[in-house]
Amino acid sequence: MSHLPPLNWLRAFEAAGRLSSFSKAADELCVTHSAVSQQIKKLEDWCGVELFHRDGSGVRVTKRAEVLFRELNRDLERVADIFDTLRMSVGVPNQLRVAVIPSVASRLLIPKIADFKNANPQISLNISYALTRDAIDLSELDILITYLDGPYEGPYLATKLLAGEVRPVCAPSYLARAPRAGDGIDFSAATLLHDEDRTTWSRWLQKCGVASESKNSSTVYADFNLLSIAAIAGHGVALCPTSLICAELKRGDLVLLSNIPESCDRNYLLFQHRRKNDAVDRFCSWVSRALQAPRYPH
């Protein structure tokens, strides 16, 4: 196969194209950034065409290289599938590597995971936390569950699990002492609890015509689990994804204050490789059923 360039050049090209970054490709391939850059430069010289546009935000495959990237990505997936089949045929344990954001893991997945294990004892699971700020990358995973704002355009299959829109809620203890405006809460004077930053509350207040944000809105929580604990404890009003707090709303731990949503283009998605894998298919089918949230009380 002398007409083929070296495999390490092709692996560097595919990884950089999939991750839109030479540095991330280097990390995945356990080589230096310089090595990836040199391998891609050699492949460009071998092909006689430029393969990447390089700019300050990263790299992207050129128009002329799109077919090469798409076909190479597909063929590497097929080779991986062949090895999966071979390993299964000789009795190698069928282990799934699953990464899940903490909010979905703690509230929906882990409480129900025994049902999957009981129905599929031959499948071993390795479950870890995923961070919402990480790129959509399955290079070391079989399945990723996270949220995304807007549509997904990438190399993986994406399945919608839950809507991610948020609405204001608080504990009954806070509602009893909250500042009032007519029949409801005065959001301009309420203590607002923030998830990661203050932008979501700002958008919601603007949508509702509230002129200014409360002066009592200084607390920012690093993730939704911390935010929800603070809301249940009565520390203030939080914008929470209602698909994740159905149980709290049903029990009365939290009270829905308005049905006006924000982050309406956000969804919780399951990402998987495009290649066929029976264990992955079984898990995805189960989780699509298990994670369907009931309708929250109005």
C-alpha atoms as a PDB file:
ATOM      1  CA  MET A   1       0.000   0.000   0.000  1.00  0.00           C
ATOM      2  CA  SER A   2       2.760   2.428  -0.967  1.00  0.00           C
ATOM      3  CA  HIS A   3       0.142   4.801  -2.399  1.00  0.00           C
ATOM      4  CA  LEU A   4      -1.130   5.494   1.136  1.00  0.00           C
ATOM      5  CA  PRO A   5       0.444   8.108   3.417  1.00  0.00           C
ATOM      6  CA  PRO A   6       1.646   6.954   6.857  1.00  0.00           C
ATOM      7  CA  LEU A   7      -1.148   6.047   9.269  1.00  0.00           C
ATOM      8  CA  ASN A   8       0.056   8.468  11.970  1.00  0.00           C
ATOM      9  CA  TRP A   9      -0.428  11.365   9.517  1.00  0.00           C
ATOM     10  CA  LEU A  10      -3.997  10.258   8.891  1.00  0.00           C
ATOM     11  CA  ARG A  11      -4.723   9.810  12.601  1.00  0.00           C
ATOM     12  CA  ALA A  12      -3.419  13.307  13.309  1.00  0.00           C
ATOM     13  CA  PHE A  13      -5.571  14.757  10.519  1.00  0.00           C
ATOM     14  CA  GLU A  14      -8.735  12.968  11.667  1.00  0.00           C
ATOM     15  CA  ALA A  15      -8.273  13.893  15.330  1.00  0.00           C
ATOM     16  CA  ALA A  16      -7.512  17.547  14.572  1.00  0.00           C
ATOM     17  CA  GLY A  17     -10.514  17.767  12.239  1.00  0.00           C
ATOM     18  CA  ARG A  18     -12.859  16.158  14.759  1.00  0.00           C
ATOM     19  CA  LEU A  19     -11.636  18.267  17.698  1.00  0.00           C
ATOM     20  CA  SER A  20     -10.971  21.486  15.710  1.00  0.00           C
ATOM     21  CA  SER A  21      -7.670  21.774  17.554  1.00  0.00           C
ATOM     22  CA  PHE A  22      -4.082  20.595  17.082  1.00  0.00           C
ATOM     23  CA  SER A  23      -3.521  20.777  20.858  1.00  0.00           C
ATOM     24  CA  LYS A  24      -6.528  18.582  21.700  1.00  0.00           C
ATOM     25  CA  ALA A  25      -5.514  16.145  18.950  1.00  0.00           C
ATOM     26  CA  ALA A  26      -2.041  15.982  20.476  1.00  0.00           C
ATOM     27  CA  ASP A  27      -3.489  15.240  23.919  1.00  0.00           C
ATOM     28  CA  GLU A  28      -5.703  12.484  22.508  1.00  0.00           C
ATOM     29  CA  LEU A  29      -2.834  10.879  20.561  1.00  0.00           C
ATOM     30  CA  CYS A  30      -0.339  11.315  23.445  1.00  0.00           C
ATOM     31  CA  VAL A  31       2.115  13.307  21.320  1.00  0.00           C
ATOM     32  CA  THR A  32       3.216  16.943  21.280  1.00  0.00           C
ATOM     33  CA  HIS A  33       1.432  19.805  19.538  1.00  0.00           C
ATOM     34  CA  SER A  34       4.518  20.152  17.322  1.00  0.00           C
ATOM     35  CA  ALA A  35       4.296  16.489  16.279  1.00  0.00           C
ATOM     36  CA  VAL A  36       0.663  16.866  15.183  1.00  0.00           C
ATOM     37  CA  SER A  37       1.457  20.079  13.309  1.00  0.00           C
ATOM     38  CA  GLN A  38       4.376  18.447  11.510  1.00  0.00           C
ATOM     39  CA  GLN A  39       2.371  15.321  10.604  1.00  0.00           C
ATOM     40  CA  ILE A  40      -0.426  17.402   9.129  1.00  0.00           C
ATOM     41  CA  LYS A  41       2.078  19.586   7.229  1.00  0.00           C
ATOM     42  CA  LYS A  42       3.631  16.431   5.756  1.00  0.00           C
ATOM     43  CA  LEU A  43       0.165  15.152   4.791  1.00  0.00           C
ATOM     44  CA  GLU A  44      -0.626  18.498   3.143  1.00  0.00           C
ATOM     45  CA  ASP A  45       2.635  18.290   1.181  1.00  0.00           C
ATOM     46  CA  TRP A  46       1.859  14.683   0.227  1.00  0.00           C
ATOM     47  CA  CYS A  47      -1.660  15.604  -0.954  1.00  0.00           C
ATOM     48  CA  GLY A  48      -0.612  18.890  -2.520  1.00  0.00           C
ATOM     49  CA  VAL A  49      -3.524  20.775  -0.912  1.00  0.00           C
ATOM     50  CA  GLU A  50      -4.155  22.758   2.253  1.00  0.00           C
ATOM     51  CA  LEU A  51      -6.172  20.649   4.703  1.00  0.00           C
ATOM     52  CA  PHE A  52      -6.947  23.176   7.460  1.00  0.00           C
ATOM     53  CA  HIS A  53      -7.877  26.795   7.876  1.00  0.00           C
ATOM     54  CA  ARG A  54      -5.917  28.117  10.836  1.00  0.00           C
ATOM     55  CA  ASP A  55      -7.152  31.065  12.887  1.00  0.00           C
ATOM     56  CA  GLY A  56      -7.082  32.345  16.453  1.00  0.00           C
ATOM     57  CA  SER A  57     -10.077  30.243  17.549  1.00  0.00           C
ATOM     58  CA  GLY A  58      -8.653  26.926  16.338  1.00  0.00           C
ATOM     59  CA  VAL A  59      -8.564  25.011  13.081  1.00  0.00           C
ATOM     60  CA  ARG A  60     -11.216  23.752  10.693  1.00  0.00           C
ATOM     61  CA  VAL A  61     -11.097  21.427   7.723  1.00  0.00           C
ATOM     62  CA  THR A  62     -10.942  23.167   4.348  1.00  0.00           C
ATOM     63  CA  LYS A  63     -13.625  22.669   1.725  1.00  0.00           C
ATOM     64  CA  ARG A  64     -11.324  20.481  -0.393  1.00  0.00           C
ATOM     65  CA  ALA A  65     -10.505  18.278   2.616  1.00  0.00           C
ATOM     66  CA  GLU A  66     -14.093  17.749   3.807  1.00  0.00           C
ATOM     67  CA  VAL A  67     -14.595  14.525   1.824  1.00  0.00           C
ATOM     68  CA  LEU A  68     -11.279  13.113   3.071  1.00  0.00           C
ATOM     69  CA  PHE A  69     -12.180  13.919   6.669  1.00  0.00           C
ATOM     70  CA  ARG A  70     -15.717  12.508   6.405  1.00  0.00           C
ATOM     71  CA  GLU A  71     -14.619   9.252   4.758  1.00  0.00           C
ATOM     72  CA  LEU A  72     -11.602   8.797   7.023  1.00  0.00           C
ATOM     73  CA  ASN A  73     -13.718   9.380  10.125  1.00  0.00           C
ATOM     74  CA  ARG A  74     -16.264   6.833   8.905  1.00  0.00           C
ATOM     75  CA  ASP A  75     -13.598   4.239   8.038  1.00  0.00           C
ATOM     76  CA  LEU A  76     -11.848   4.569  11.394  1.00  0.00           C
ATOM     77  CA  GLU A  77     -15.225   4.072  13.076  1.00  0.00           C
ATOM     78  CA  ARG A  78     -15.705   0.901  10.991  1.00  0.00           C
ATOM     79  CA  VAL A  79     -12.268  -0.409  11.984  1.00  0.00           C
ATOM     80  CA  ALA A  80     -13.085   0.262  15.654  1.00  0.00           C
ATOM     81  CA  ASP A  81     -16.354  -1.606  15.210  1.00  0.00           C
ATOM     82  CA  ILE A  82     -14.484  -4.611  13.767  1.00  0.00           C
ATOM     83  CA  PHE A  83     -12.212  -4.690  16.808  1.00  0.00           C
ATOM     84  CA  ASP A  84     -15.232  -4.417  19.138  1.00  0.00           C
ATOM     85  CA  THR A  85     -16.769  -7.440  17.410  1.00  0.00           C
ATOM     86  CA  LEU A  86     -13.490  -9.367  17.608  1.00  0.00           C
ATOM     87  CA  ARG A  87     -13.070  -8.647  21.323  1.00  0.00           C
ATOM     88  CA  MET A  88     -16.631  -9.732  22.054  1.00  0.00           C
ATOM     89  CA  SER A  89     -16.173 -12.956  20.078  1.00  0.00           C
ATOM     90  CA  VAL A  90     -13.284 -14.073  22.304  1.00  0.00           C
ATOM     91  CA  GLY A  91     -15.024 -13.191  25.553  1.00  0.00           C
ATOM     92  CA  VAL A  92     -13.426  -9.839  26.414  1.00  0.00           C
ATOM     93  CA  PRO A  93     -15.711  -8.147  28.984  1.00  0.00           C
ATOM     94  CA  ASN A  94     -18.175  -5.742  27.391  1.00  0.00           C
ATOM     95  CA  GLN A  95     -17.476  -2.519  29.281  1.00  0.00           C
ATOM     96  CA  LEU A  96     -19.201   0.776  28.511  1.00  0.00           C
ATOM     97  CA  ARG A  97     -17.507   4.071  29.350  1.00  0.00           C
ATOM     98  CA  VAL A  98     -20.256   6.571  30.189  1.00  0.00           C
ATOM     99  CA  ALA A  99     -19.775  10.226  31.159  1.00  0.00           C
ATOM    100  CA  VAL A 100     -22.744  12.160  32.565  1.00  0.00           C
ATOM    101  CA  ILE A 101     -23.101  15.713  33.852  1.00  0.00           C
ATOM    102  CA  PRO A 102     -23.644  15.725  37.649  1.00  0.00           C
ATOM    103  CA  SER A 103     -27.234  17.012  37.612  1.00  0.00           C
ATOM    104  CA  VAL A 104     -28.495  14.187  35.383  1.00  0.00           C
ATOM    105  CA  ALA A 105     -26.276  11.567  37.023  1.00  0.00           C
ATOM    106  CA  SER A 106     -27.374  12.238  40.594  1.00  0.00           C
ATOM    107  CA  ARG A 107     -31.064  12.938  39.984  1.00  0.00           C
ATOM    108  CA  LEU A 108     -32.056  10.610  37.152  1.00  0.00           C
ATOM    109  CA  LEU A 109     -29.405   8.106  36.093  1.00  0.00           C
ATOM    110  CA  ILE A 110     -27.822   6.667  39.256  1.00  0.00           C
ATOM    111  CA  PRO A 111     -31.113   6.081  41.148  1.00  0.00           C
ATOM    112  CA  LYS A 112     -32.308   3.882  38.251  1.00  0.00           C
ATOM    113  CA  ILE A 113     -29.070   2.275  37.056  1.00  0.00           C
ATOM    114  CA  ALA A 114     -29.721  -0.987  38.939  1.00  0.00           C
ATOM    115  CA  ASP A 115     -32.622  -1.651  36.542  1.00  0.00           C
ATOM    116  CA  PHE A 116     -30.205  -1.627  33.607  1.00  0.00           C
ATOM    117  CA  LYS A 117     -27.689  -3.838  35.410  1.00  0.00           C
ATOM    118  CA  ASN A 118     -30.362  -6.376  36.332  1.00  0.00           C
ATOM    119  CA  ALA A 119     -31.553  -6.578  32.735  1.00  0.00           C
ATOM    120  CA  ASN A 120     -28.007  -6.610  31.245  1.00  0.00           C
ATOM    121  CA  PRO A 121     -25.664  -8.423  33.669  1.00  0.00           C
ATOM    122  CA  GLN A 122     -23.164  -9.102  30.876  1.00  0.00           C
ATOM    123  CA  ILE A 123     -22.439  -5.375  30.414  1.00  0.00           C
ATOM    124  CA  SER A 124     -19.973  -3.658  32.747  1.00  0.00           C
ATOM    125  CA  LEU A 125     -20.338   0.087  33.284  1.00  0.00           C
ATOM    126  CA  ASN A 126     -17.678   2.681  34.005  1.00  0.00           C
ATOM    127  CA  ILE A 127     -19.542   5.898  34.904  1.00  0.00           C
ATOM    128  CA  SER A 128     -17.803   9.246  35.386  1.00  0.00           C
ATOM    129  CA  TYR A 129     -18.754  12.896  35.635  1.00  0.00           C
ATOM    130  CA  ALA A 130     -18.759  15.048  32.513  1.00  0.00           C
ATOM    131  CA  LEU A 131     -18.213  18.800  32.722  1.00  0.00           C
ATOM    132  CA  THR A 132     -20.588  21.041  30.793  1.00  0.00           C
ATOM    133  CA  ARG A 133     -17.745  23.279  29.626  1.00  0.00           C
ATOM    134  CA  ASP A 134     -15.926  20.375  27.957  1.00  0.00           C
ATOM    135  CA  ALA A 135     -16.092  19.827  24.209  1.00  0.00           C
ATOM    136  CA  ILE A 136     -18.324  17.081  22.810  1.00  0.00           C
ATOM    137  CA  ASP A 137     -15.582  14.462  22.568  1.00  0.00           C
ATOM    138  CA  LEU A 138     -16.087  10.678  22.630  1.00  0.00           C
ATOM    139  CA  SER A 139     -12.480   9.749  21.874  1.00  0.00           C
ATOM    140  CA  GLU A 140     -12.238   7.936  25.236  1.00  0.00           C
ATOM    141  CA  LEU A 141     -15.950   7.316  25.803  1.00  0.00           C
ATOM    142  CA  ASP A 142     -18.780   5.211  24.451  1.00  0.00           C
ATOM    143  CA  ILE A 143     -21.582   7.497  25.647  1.00  0.00           C
ATOM    144  CA  LEU A 144     -21.789  11.110  26.787  1.00  0.00           C
ATOM    145  CA  ILE A 145     -24.836  12.760  28.389  1.00  0.00           C
ATOM    146  CA  THR A 146     -24.704  16.544  28.657  1.00  0.00           C
ATOM    147  CA  TYR A 147     -26.689  19.612  27.680  1.00  0.00           C
ATOM    148  CA  LEU A 148     -26.306  21.762  24.596  1.00  0.00           C
ATOM    149  CA  ASP A 149     -27.710  25.134  23.611  1.00  0.00           C
ATOM    150  CA  GLY A 150     -28.979  25.063  20.046  1.00  0.00           C
ATOM    151  CA  PRO A 151     -28.675  22.349  17.391  1.00  0.00           C
ATOM    152  CA  TYR A 152     -25.789  19.876  17.293  1.00  0.00           C
ATOM    153  CA  GLU A 153     -23.640  19.611  14.202  1.00  0.00           C
ATOM    154  CA  GLY A 154     -20.833  17.133  14.636  1.00  0.00           C
ATOM    155  CA  PRO A 155     -19.563  13.628  13.978  1.00  0.00           C
ATOM    156  CA  TYR A 156     -21.605  11.801  16.646  1.00  0.00           C
ATOM    157  CA  LEU A 157     -25.189  10.624  16.886  1.00  0.00           C
ATOM    158  CA  ALA A 158     -27.199  12.843  19.240  1.00  0.00           C
ATOM    159  CA  THR A 159     -30.478  11.808  20.888  1.00  0.00           C
ATOM    160  CA  LYS A 160     -32.620  14.258  22.853  1.00  0.00           C
ATOM    161  CA  LEU A 161     -33.450  12.996  26.344  1.00  0.00           C
ATOM    162  CA  LEU A 162     -34.992  15.998  28.094  1.00  0.00           C
ATOM    163  CA  ALA A 163     -35.803  19.649  27.521  1.00  0.00           C
ATOM    164  CA  GLY A 164     -33.462  21.998  29.361  1.00  0.00           C
ATOM    165  CA  GLU A 165     -35.547  25.159  29.644  1.00  0.00           C
ATOM    166  CA  VAL A 166     -35.558  26.801  33.078  1.00  0.00           C
ATOM    167  CA  ARG A 167     -38.267  28.463  35.192  1.00  0.00           C
ATOM    168  CA  PRO A 168     -38.166  30.304  38.536  1.00  0.00           C
ATOM    169  CA  VAL A 169     -38.749  28.249  41.680  1.00  0.00           C
ATOM    170  CA  CYS A 170     -38.224  28.636  45.406  1.00  0.00           C
ATOM    171  CA  ALA A 171     -38.873  26.772  48.648  1.00  0.00           C
ATOM    172  CA  PRO A 172     -42.135  27.378  50.556  1.00  0.00           C
ATOM    173  CA  SER A 173     -40.062  28.811  53.423  1.00  0.00           C
ATOM    174  CA  TYR A 174     -38.655  31.525  51.158  1.00  0.00           C
ATOM    175  CA  LEU A 175     -42.011  32.159  49.488  1.00  0.00           C
ATOM    176  CA  ALA A 176     -43.537  32.953  52.898  1.00  0.00           C
ATOM    177  CA  ARG A 177     -41.110  35.844  53.460  1.00  0.00           C
ATOM    178  CA  ALA A 178     -40.412  36.926  49.871  1.00  0.00           C
ATOM    179  CA  PRO A 179     -41.106  40.541  48.801  1.00  0.00           C
ATOM    180  CA  ARG A 180     -44.505  40.775  47.132  1.00  0.00           C
ATOM    181  CA  ALA A 181     -45.786  42.505  44.016  1.00  0.00           C
ATOM    182  CA  GLY A 182     -49.540  42.074  43.633  1.00  0.00           C
ATOM    183  CA  ASP A 183     -50.382  38.363  43.745  1.00  0.00           C
ATOM    184  CA  GLY A 184     -46.806  37.200  43.158  1.00  0.00           C
ATOM    185  CA  ILE A 185     -43.166  37.716  44.076  1.00  0.00           C
ATOM    186  CA  ASP A 186     -41.423  41.015  43.404  1.00  0.00           C
ATOM    187  CA  PHE A 187     -38.504  39.616  41.414  1.00  0.00           C
ATOM    188  CA  SER A 188     -36.763  42.994  41.352  1.00  0.00           C
ATOM    189  CA  ALA A 189     -36.402  42.796  45.143  1.00  0.00           C
ATOM    190  CA  ALA A 190     -36.076  39.021  45.593  1.00  0.00           C
ATOM    191  CA  THR A 191     -32.864  37.164  46.422  1.00  0.00           C
ATOM    192  CA  LEU A 192     -31.841  35.549  43.151  1.00  0.00           C
ATOM    193  CA  LEU A 193     -29.653  32.434  43.062  1.00  0.00           C
ATOM    194  CA  HIS A 194     -27.428  32.007  40.007  1.00  0.00           C
ATOM    195  CA  ASP A 195     -26.180  28.908  38.184  1.00  0.00           C
ATOM    196  CA  GLU A 196     -22.582  29.538  36.970  1.00  0.00           C
ATOM    197  CA  ASP A 197     -23.233  33.190  36.030  1.00  0.00           C
ATOM    198  CA  ARG A 198     -25.888  35.901  36.127  1.00  0.00           C
ATOM    199  CA  THR A 199     -26.777  36.035  32.438  1.00  0.00           C
ATOM    200  CA  THR A 200     -29.754  33.655  32.532  1.00  0.00           C
ATOM    201  CA  TRP A 201     -31.526  35.656  35.214  1.00  0.00           C
ATOM    202  CA  SER A 202     -30.810  38.871  33.306  1.00  0.00           C
ATOM    203  CA  ARG A 203     -32.457  37.459  30.174  1.00  0.00           C
ATOM    204  CA  TRP A 204     -35.472  36.157  32.107  1.00  0.00           C
ATOM    205  CA  LEU A 205     -36.025  39.470  33.917  1.00  0.00           C
ATOM    206  CA  GLN A 206     -35.782  41.361  30.649  1.00  0.00           C
ATOM    207  CA  LYS A 207     -38.260  38.989  29.005  1.00  0.00           C
ATOM    208  CA  CYS A 208     -40.710  39.586  31.853  1.00  0.00           C
ATOM    209  CA  GLY A 209     -40.287  43.350  31.788  1.00  0.00           C
ATOM    210  CA  VAL A 210     -38.626  43.611  35.197  1.00  0.00           C
ATOM    211  CA  ALA A 211     -36.634  46.835  35.051  1.00  0.00           C
ATOM    212  CA  SER A 212     -33.676  45.984  37.273  1.00  0.00           C
ATOM    213  CA  GLU A 213     -32.120  42.985  38.912  1.00  0.00           C
ATOM    214  CA  SER A 214     -32.332  42.548  42.669  1.00  0.00           C
ATOM    215  CA  LYS A 215     -29.520  43.949  44.789  1.00  0.00           C
ATOM    216  CA  ASN A 216     -29.738  40.701  46.778  1.00  0.00           C
ATOM    217  CA  SER A 217     -28.472  38.527  43.915  1.00  0.00           C
ATOM    218  CA  SER A 218     -24.816  38.040  44.658  1.00  0.00           C
ATOM    219  CA  THR A 219     -24.643  34.248  45.146  1.00  0.00           C
ATOM    220  CA  VAL A 220     -23.395  32.267  42.159  1.00  0.00           C
ATOM    221  CA  TYR A 221     -23.229  28.460  42.365  1.00  0.00           C
ATOM    222  CA  ALA A 222     -20.817  26.391  40.321  1.00  0.00           C
ATOM    223  CA  ASP A 223     -23.385  23.857  39.147  1.00  0.00           C
ATOM    224  CA  PHE A 224     -27.062  22.972  39.254  1.00  0.00           C
ATOM    225  CA  ASN A 225     -26.783  20.492  42.137  1.00  0.00           C
ATOM    226  CA  LEU A 226     -25.446  23.228  44.443  1.00  0.00           C
ATOM    227  CA  LEU A 227     -28.044  25.682  43.149  1.00  0.00           C
ATOM    228  CA  SER A 228     -30.955  23.309  43.769  1.00  0.00           C
ATOM    229  CA  ILE A 229     -29.774  22.547  47.319  1.00  0.00           C
ATOM    230  CA  ALA A 230     -29.630  26.276  48.045  1.00  0.00           C
ATOM    231  CA  ALA A 231     -33.133  26.788  46.616  1.00  0.00           C
ATOM    232  CA  ILE A 232     -34.604  23.901  48.646  1.00  0.00           C
ATOM    233  CA  ALA A 233     -32.921  25.302  51.771  1.00  0.00           C
ATOM    234  CA  GLY A 234     -34.856  28.536  51.282  1.00  0.00           C
ATOM    235  CA  HIS A 235     -31.959  30.816  50.322  1.00  0.00           C
ATOM    236  CA  GLY A 236     -33.798  32.495  47.441  1.00  0.00           C
ATOM    237  CA  VAL A 237     -35.277  32.073  43.954  1.00  0.00           C
ATOM    238  CA  ALA A 238     -33.526  29.934  41.336  1.00  0.00           C
ATOM    239  CA  LEU A 239     -34.009  29.354  37.634  1.00  0.00           C
ATOM    240  CA  CYS A 240     -34.070  25.559  37.408  1.00  0.00           C
ATOM    241  CA  PRO A 241     -34.606  23.127  34.525  1.00  0.00           C
ATOM    242  CA  THR A 242     -38.081  21.868  35.338  1.00  0.00           C
ATOM    243  CA  SER A 243     -37.374  18.500  33.718  1.00  0.00           C
ATOM    244  CA  LEU A 244     -34.863  17.809  36.523  1.00  0.00           C
ATOM    245  CA  ILE A 245     -36.947  18.917  39.507  1.00  0.00           C
ATOM    246  CA  CYS A 246     -40.289  17.172  38.885  1.00  0.00           C
ATOM    247  CA  ALA A 247     -39.914  15.167  42.114  1.00  0.00           C
ATOM    248  CA  GLU A 248     -39.208  18.298  44.186  1.00  0.00           C
ATOM    249  CA  LEU A 249     -42.191  20.110  42.667  1.00  0.00           C
ATOM    250  CA  LYS A 250     -44.461  17.129  43.259  1.00  0.00           C
ATOM    251  CA  ARG A 251     -43.347  16.776  46.904  1.00  0.00           C
ATOM    252  CA  GLY A 252     -43.681  20.503  47.509  1.00  0.00           C
ATOM    253  CA  ASP A 253     -39.984  21.020  48.279  1.00  0.00           C
ATOM    254  CA  LEU A 254     -40.014  23.671  45.544  1.00  0.00           C
ATOM    255  CA  VAL A 255     -42.807  25.904  44.237  1.00  0.00           C
ATOM    256  CA  LEU A 256     -43.096  27.029  40.609  1.00  0.00           C
ATOM    257  CA  LEU A 257     -43.383  30.840  40.557  1.00  0.00           C
ATOM    258  CA  SER A 258     -43.905  31.442  36.828  1.00  0.00           C
ATOM    259  CA  ASN A 259     -44.423  29.324  33.742  1.00  0.00           C
ATOM    260  CA  ILE A 260     -42.376  31.728  31.586  1.00  0.00           C
ATOM    261  CA  PRO A 261     -39.284  29.784  30.400  1.00  0.00           C
ATOM    262  CA  GLU A 262     -35.735  30.791  29.575  1.00  0.00           C
ATOM    263  CA  SER A 263     -32.957  28.857  27.795  1.00  0.00           C
ATOM    264  CA  CYS A 264     -35.622  27.456  25.470  1.00  0.00           C
ATOM    265  CA  ASP A 265     -33.038  26.148  22.959  1.00  0.00           C
ATOM    266  CA  ARG A 266     -31.275  24.035  25.617  1.00  0.00           C
ATOM    267  CA  ASN A 267     -31.666  20.256  25.614  1.00  0.00           C
ATOM    268  CA  TYR A 268     -30.135  17.337  27.470  1.00  0.00           C
ATOM    269  CA  LEU A 269     -28.633  15.050  24.837  1.00  0.00           C
ATOM    270  CA  LEU A 270     -27.091  11.605  24.624  1.00  0.00           C
ATOM    271  CA  PHE A 271     -24.102  11.356  22.293  1.00  0.00           C
ATOM    272  CA  GLN A 272     -22.772   8.086  20.871  1.00  0.00           C
ATOM    273  CA  HIS A 273     -20.522   6.917  18.057  1.00  0.00           C
ATOM    274  CA  ARG A 274     -22.142   6.235  14.699  1.00  0.00           C
ATOM    275  CA  ARG A 275     -20.791   2.703  14.514  1.00  0.00           C
ATOM    276  CA  LYS A 276     -23.084  -0.124  15.629  1.00  0.00           C
ATOM    277  CA  ASN A 277     -22.467  -1.636  19.049  1.00  0.00           C
ATOM    278  CA  ASP A 278     -25.003  -3.881  20.749  1.00  0.00           C
ATOM    279  CA  ALA A 279     -24.056  -2.890  24.307  1.00  0.00           C
ATOM    280  CA  VAL A 280     -24.229   0.822  23.468  1.00  0.00           C
ATOM    281  CA  ASP A 281     -27.574   0.336  21.707  1.00  0.00           C
ATOM    282  CA  ARG A 282     -28.979  -1.476  24.753  1.00  0.00           C
ATOM    283  CA  PHE A 283     -27.867   1.283  27.113  1.00  0.00           C
ATOM    284  CA  CYS A 284     -29.139   4.078  24.860  1.00  0.00           C
ATOM    285  CA  SER A 285     -32.501   2.402  24.442  1.00  0.00           C
ATOM    286  CA  TRP A 286     -32.819   1.916  28.202  1.00  0.00           C
ATOM    287  CA  VAL A 287     -31.712   5.421  29.164  1.00  0.00           C
ATOM    288  CA  SER A 288     -34.067   7.032  26.632  1.00  0.00           C
ATOM    289  CA  ARG A 289     -36.949   5.364  28.470  1.00  0.00           C
ATOM    290  CA  ALA A 290     -35.622   5.676  32.019  1.00  0.00           C
ATOM    291  CA  LEU A 291     -34.772   9.372  31.859  1.00  0.00           C
ATOM    292  CA  GLN A 292     -38.107  10.558  30.528  1.00  0.00           C
ATOM    293  CA  ALA A 293     -39.228  13.016  33.192  1.00  0.00           C
ATOM    294  CA  PRO A 294     -42.901  13.265  34.175  1.00  0.00           C
ATOM    295  CA  ARG A 295     -44.626  16.564  33.526  1.00  0.00           C
ATOM    296  CA  TYR A 296     -44.003  19.047  36.296  1.00  0.00           C
ATOM    297  CA  PRO A 297     -46.998  20.315  38.246  1.00  0.00           C
ATOM    298  CA  HIS A 298     -48.397  23.639  36.985  1.00  0.00           C
END
